[in-house]
Protein backbone atom coordinates (compact mmCIF):
# COMPACT_ATOMS: atom_id res chain seq x y z
CA MET A 1 -48.24 22.72 -61.33
CA LEU A 2 -48.31 23.97 -57.96
CA GLU A 3 -49.95 20.63 -56.77
CA PHE A 4 -47.69 18.76 -58.41
CA ASP A 5 -44.94 19.92 -56.37
CA LEU A 6 -46.81 20.08 -52.89
CA ALA A 7 -47.32 16.52 -53.79
CA THR A 8 -43.96 15.61 -54.35
CA HIS A 9 -42.56 17.36 -51.21
CA LEU A 10 -45.09 15.70 -48.90
CA ASP A 11 -43.80 12.36 -50.40
CA ASN A 12 -40.44 12.94 -49.56
CA LEU A 13 -40.98 14.42 -46.33
CA ILE A 14 -42.99 11.39 -45.73
CA THR A 15 -40.52 9.12 -47.10
CA LEU A 16 -37.70 10.89 -44.90
CA GLY A 17 -40.22 11.07 -41.60
CA SER A 18 -40.64 7.10 -42.05
CA GLN A 19 -36.66 6.75 -42.74
CA TRP A 20 -35.53 9.17 -39.85
CA GLY A 21 -38.34 8.75 -37.38
CA LEU A 22 -37.55 4.62 -37.21
CA ARG A 23 -33.84 5.86 -36.54
CA VAL A 24 -34.83 8.29 -34.02
CA LEU A 25 -37.24 6.01 -32.45
CA GLY A 26 -34.71 3.21 -32.45
CA ALA A 27 -31.95 5.42 -30.83
CA LEU A 28 -33.96 6.33 -28.18
CA ALA A 29 -35.07 2.96 -27.75
CA VAL A 30 -31.35 1.41 -27.50
CA LEU A 31 -30.45 4.86 -25.28
CA ILE A 32 -33.30 4.15 -22.84
CA LEU A 33 -33.09 0.53 -22.71
CA GLY A 34 -29.03 0.82 -22.53
CA ARG A 35 -29.16 3.15 -20.16
CA TRP A 36 -31.31 1.09 -17.66
CA ILE A 37 -28.99 -1.59 -18.24
CA ALA A 38 -26.25 0.19 -17.19
CA LYS A 39 -27.86 1.39 -14.07
CA ARG A 40 -28.87 -2.42 -13.39
CA LEU A 41 -25.26 -3.80 -13.57
CA ARG A 42 -23.84 -0.89 -11.77
CA SER A 43 -26.20 -1.64 -9.04
CA ILE A 44 -25.62 -5.27 -8.97
CA THR A 45 -21.70 -4.86 -9.26
CA HIS A 46 -22.22 -2.61 -6.33
CA GLU A 47 -23.73 -5.28 -4.24
CA ALA A 48 -21.26 -7.88 -5.09
CA LEU A 49 -18.34 -6.24 -4.49
CA GLY A 50 -19.73 -5.16 -1.28
CA ARG A 51 -20.00 -8.61 -0.03
CA THR A 52 -16.35 -9.66 -1.03
CA GLY A 53 -15.12 -6.85 1.32
CA MET A 54 -13.56 -4.79 -0.91
CA GLU A 55 -11.97 -1.51 0.28
CA PRO A 56 -14.92 0.98 0.31
CA MET A 57 -13.13 3.65 -1.51
CA LEU A 58 -12.70 1.56 -4.17
CA ILE A 59 -16.21 0.54 -4.79
CA PRO A 60 -17.93 3.82 -6.26
CA PHE A 61 -14.78 4.15 -8.54
CA THR A 62 -15.34 0.40 -9.92
CA THR A 63 -19.15 0.67 -10.47
CA SER A 64 -18.62 4.10 -12.07
CA MET A 65 -16.26 2.46 -14.69
CA VAL A 66 -18.75 -0.03 -15.24
CA TYR A 67 -21.43 1.97 -15.61
CA TRP A 68 -19.82 4.82 -18.01
CA GLY A 69 -18.13 1.92 -19.89
CA LEU A 70 -21.38 0.33 -20.79
CA MET A 71 -22.96 3.81 -21.75
CA ALA A 72 -19.99 4.56 -24.22
CA PHE A 73 -20.77 1.28 -26.21
CA VAL A 74 -24.56 2.61 -25.92
CA GLY A 75 -23.27 5.89 -27.48
CA ILE A 76 -21.46 4.06 -30.10
CA ALA A 77 -24.66 1.89 -30.94
CA VAL A 78 -26.96 5.04 -31.20
CA LEU A 79 -24.23 6.83 -33.44
CA GLY A 80 -24.19 3.77 -35.65
CA LEU A 81 -28.22 3.91 -35.97
CA PHE A 82 -27.32 7.35 -37.34
CA GLY A 83 -24.90 6.21 -40.06
CA VAL A 84 -22.12 7.56 -38.30
CA PRO A 85 -18.88 5.49 -39.14
CA THR A 86 -18.25 4.46 -35.58
CA ALA A 87 -15.07 2.58 -36.58
CA SER A 88 -13.12 5.85 -37.22
CA PHE A 89 -14.92 7.28 -34.35
CA VAL A 90 -13.39 4.41 -31.90
CA ALA A 91 -10.18 5.34 -33.40
CA VAL A 92 -10.32 8.85 -32.38
CA ILE A 93 -11.10 7.94 -29.00
CA GLY A 94 -8.67 5.21 -28.72
CA ALA A 95 -5.77 7.57 -30.07
CA ALA A 96 -7.32 10.50 -27.77
CA GLY A 97 -7.22 8.00 -24.69
CA LEU A 98 -3.40 6.90 -25.66
CA ALA A 99 -2.33 10.98 -25.80
CA ILE A 100 -4.14 11.36 -22.42
CA GLY A 101 -2.48 8.41 -20.90
CA LEU A 102 1.22 9.14 -22.07
CA ALA A 103 0.62 12.90 -20.67
CA LEU A 104 -0.61 11.41 -17.22
CA GLN A 105 1.35 8.26 -17.08
CA GLY A 106 2.65 9.28 -13.42
CA THR A 107 -0.75 9.73 -12.25
CA LEU A 108 -1.85 6.71 -13.81
CA ALA A 109 0.98 4.89 -12.11
CA ASN A 110 0.25 6.18 -8.83
CA PHE A 111 -3.52 5.40 -9.28
CA ALA A 112 -2.94 1.67 -10.40
CA SER A 113 -0.49 1.40 -7.55
CA GLY A 114 -3.36 2.70 -5.29
CA VAL A 115 -5.92 0.31 -6.67
CA MET A 116 -3.32 -2.32 -5.67
CA ILE A 117 -2.75 -1.67 -2.43
CA LEU A 118 -6.31 -1.13 -1.60
CA THR A 119 -6.99 -4.76 -3.00
CA PHE A 120 -4.15 -6.82 -1.62
CA ARG A 121 -3.73 -4.61 1.44
CA PRO A 122 -0.54 -4.98 2.37
CA PHE A 123 -1.00 -2.57 5.06
CA VAL A 124 -3.81 -0.45 6.79
CA VAL A 125 -4.53 2.27 8.71
CA GLY A 126 -2.78 2.01 12.08
CA HIS A 127 0.05 -0.30 10.83
CA VAL A 128 3.81 0.81 11.55
CA VAL A 129 5.36 0.38 7.95
CA GLU A 130 8.75 1.28 6.43
CA VAL A 131 7.60 2.09 2.61
CA GLY A 132 9.33 4.60 0.15
CA GLY A 133 12.18 4.87 2.74
CA THR A 134 10.14 6.25 5.56
CA VAL A 135 8.99 4.70 8.88
CA GLY A 136 5.86 5.75 10.40
CA THR A 137 2.25 5.21 11.33
CA VAL A 138 -0.40 5.02 8.27
CA ALA A 139 -2.63 7.69 8.69
CA GLU A 140 -4.37 7.56 5.46
CA VAL A 141 -4.21 5.33 2.09
CA GLY A 142 -5.32 6.95 -0.87
CA LEU A 143 -5.94 6.09 -4.58
CA PHE A 144 -2.94 8.38 -5.59
CA SER A 145 -0.80 8.57 -2.42
CA THR A 146 -0.36 6.93 1.22
CA ASP A 147 0.03 9.35 4.46
CA LEU A 148 2.29 8.63 6.81
CA ASN A 149 2.79 9.97 10.63
CA THR A 150 6.61 9.61 11.28
CA PHE A 151 7.51 8.74 15.24
CA ASP A 152 8.40 12.72 15.78
CA ASN A 153 5.05 13.79 14.41
CA ILE A 154 5.64 14.75 10.87
CA ARG A 155 3.21 13.74 8.13
CA VAL A 156 4.64 12.44 4.97
CA THR A 157 2.94 11.87 1.94
CA ILE A 158 4.55 9.38 -0.41
CA PRO A 159 3.15 8.52 -3.99
CA ASN A 160 1.90 5.01 -4.44
CA SER A 161 4.04 4.12 -7.48
CA GLN A 162 7.13 4.34 -4.58
CA ILE A 163 5.32 2.23 -2.59
CA TYR A 164 3.72 -0.70 -4.56
CA GLY A 165 6.41 -2.74 -6.54
CA GLN A 166 9.01 -1.63 -3.96
CA THR A 167 9.87 -3.73 -0.32
CA ILE A 168 7.11 -2.98 2.12
CA LYS A 169 7.83 -3.59 5.73
CA ASN A 170 5.15 -4.04 8.26
CA PHE A 171 5.81 -4.29 11.83
CA SER A 172 2.29 -4.22 13.09
CA ALA A 173 1.15 -7.44 10.62
CA ASN A 174 2.42 -9.95 13.21
CA GLN A 175 1.60 -10.14 17.00
CA THR A 176 4.66 -10.48 18.24
CA ARG A 177 8.57 -9.34 17.62
CA ARG A 178 11.96 -10.38 18.23
CA VAL A 179 14.12 -7.84 19.95
CA ASP A 180 18.02 -8.16 18.90
CA MET A 181 20.37 -6.88 20.87
CA ILE A 182 24.55 -6.91 21.12
CA VAL A 183 26.00 -6.91 24.78
CA GLY A 184 29.61 -6.70 24.99
CA VAL A 185 31.51 -7.64 28.26
CA SER A 186 35.55 -7.71 29.20
CA TYR A 187 37.52 -10.22 28.05
CA GLY A 188 38.77 -10.66 31.46
CA ASP A 189 34.88 -11.11 32.94
CA ASP A 190 33.41 -14.60 33.85
CA LEU A 191 31.28 -15.45 30.55
CA GLU A 192 29.12 -17.65 32.62
CA VAL A 193 28.29 -14.91 35.22
CA ALA A 194 27.49 -12.23 32.38
CA ARG A 195 25.06 -15.16 30.36
CA ASN A 196 23.23 -16.12 33.76
CA THR A 197 22.95 -12.15 34.40
CA ILE A 198 21.46 -11.52 31.13
CA MET A 199 18.97 -14.17 31.41
CA GLU A 200 18.00 -13.15 34.97
CA VAL A 201 17.09 -9.76 33.62
CA LEU A 202 14.96 -11.41 30.88
CA ARG A 203 13.21 -13.40 32.98
CA SER A 204 12.57 -10.76 35.56
CA ASP A 205 10.74 -8.73 32.90
CA PRO A 206 7.22 -9.88 32.36
CA ARG A 207 7.11 -8.39 29.00
CA VAL A 208 9.51 -10.76 27.49
CA LEU A 209 7.68 -14.02 26.19
CA SER A 210 8.61 -17.43 27.65
CA GLU A 211 7.61 -18.98 24.08
CA PRO A 212 9.69 -18.66 21.73
CA GLU A 213 12.35 -18.98 24.57
CA PRO A 214 14.96 -15.70 24.58
CA VAL A 215 18.55 -16.65 22.81
CA VAL A 216 21.58 -15.50 24.93
CA ALA A 217 24.58 -16.83 23.27
CA VAL A 218 28.61 -15.77 22.25
CA SER A 219 28.24 -14.54 18.93
CA GLU A 220 31.79 -12.81 18.44
CA LEU A 221 35.21 -11.91 19.54
CA GLY A 222 35.48 -8.22 18.97
CA ASP A 223 38.52 -6.05 19.32
CA SER A 224 37.47 -5.28 22.78
CA SER A 225 34.74 -7.36 24.07
CA VAL A 226 33.27 -10.50 23.89
CA ASN A 227 29.62 -10.01 22.43
CA PHE A 228 26.57 -11.60 23.39
CA VAL A 229 23.71 -11.86 21.00
CA VAL A 230 20.52 -11.46 22.90
CA ARG A 231 16.87 -12.00 21.28
CA PRO A 232 14.06 -11.92 23.57
CA TRP A 233 10.51 -12.02 21.90
CA CYS A 234 7.55 -9.74 23.13
CA ASP A 235 4.29 -8.45 21.93
CA ARG A 236 4.77 -5.90 19.14
CA THR A 237 3.51 -3.00 21.19
CA GLU A 238 6.03 -3.22 23.53
CA PHE A 239 9.09 -3.66 21.25
CA HIS A 240 10.47 -0.03 21.88
CA PRO A 241 9.90 0.20 25.60
CA LEU A 242 11.36 -2.87 26.13
CA ARG A 243 14.43 -2.50 24.39
CA PHE A 244 15.16 0.83 25.99
CA GLU A 245 14.44 -0.82 29.48
CA LEU A 246 16.58 -3.87 28.84
CA THR A 247 19.53 -1.83 27.34
CA ARG A 248 19.75 0.26 30.86
CA ARG A 249 18.99 -2.80 33.21
CA PHE A 250 21.96 -4.66 31.03
CA LYS A 251 24.52 -2.07 31.96
CA VAL A 252 23.44 -1.90 35.85
CA GLU A 253 23.10 -5.65 36.48
CA LEU A 254 26.23 -6.53 34.79
CA GLU A 255 28.06 -4.09 36.78
CA ASN A 256 26.46 -5.21 39.93
CA ALA A 257 27.79 -8.92 39.00
CA GLY A 258 31.17 -7.62 38.73
CA CYS A 259 31.32 -7.57 34.91
CA SER A 260 32.26 -4.42 33.27
CA ILE A 261 30.88 -2.83 29.54
CA PRO A 262 34.17 -2.22 27.72
CA PHE A 263 34.53 0.53 25.09
CA PRO A 264 36.45 0.61 21.96
CA GLN A 265 40.24 1.27 22.81
CA ARG A 266 43.74 1.12 21.21
CA ASP A 267 47.27 0.41 22.76
CA VAL A 268 50.03 2.37 21.85
CA HIS A 269 53.65 1.39 21.81
CA LEU A 270 56.18 3.55 21.67
CA HIS A 271 59.76 2.36 20.67
CA GLU A 272 62.87 4.48 21.36
CA VAL A 273 65.14 4.86 18.47
CA ALA A 274 68.83 4.78 19.06
């Protein structure tokens, strides 16, 4: 009787070993082969993205997503070999992912916007931009936020979700900029003298470009002045210095030419009541 029971147990062990042994060997083969394929595709993706000129910060993240995405499929395949119901497992993962996504929707929105900014590059480090209601020089572009240095040297960190999808003004994208100014003279002044004086100031400054040609024209008959619109072009790096200098020289040269710079005034008439 003892020999019979032992033989039976041995037969059962051999049967179980043959069944589960093949499954274990198959699972190991799938795991090893899947891991090798995932590593190989990660390497290929890294090289391909490097050739496309993608932002270096995005390349490790993208290749890691490719690797772990493939490894997730490999893990599901291994569980399926052991009889684990993978359909319900995938459903649980999906539900967990949805819950995490809802909890981190603000962070994920910043991340998605950061990916778009780094991919399409509406601005880069060193550009002067206006984003999220702030004007400054781009100091750093991250996956979740962008850092600006304002003109008074304050570091401002703006979430990327407040940048992408909103209006972005890039003052450094083009090599040249137009300086828009308004210069007013008195109604009693000679307009031709005033215009010629303004043009002479523009021609005498080497920072003012000859092409496109500066525009000087009467634009408005104001309450207390005749206003000229003055639109010279310059290199973008000279925008503010040129604007400040032109403002000073217009006043000096117009006064030397006999013109006056009017200021708002109001006439009050008194009527005697009998």
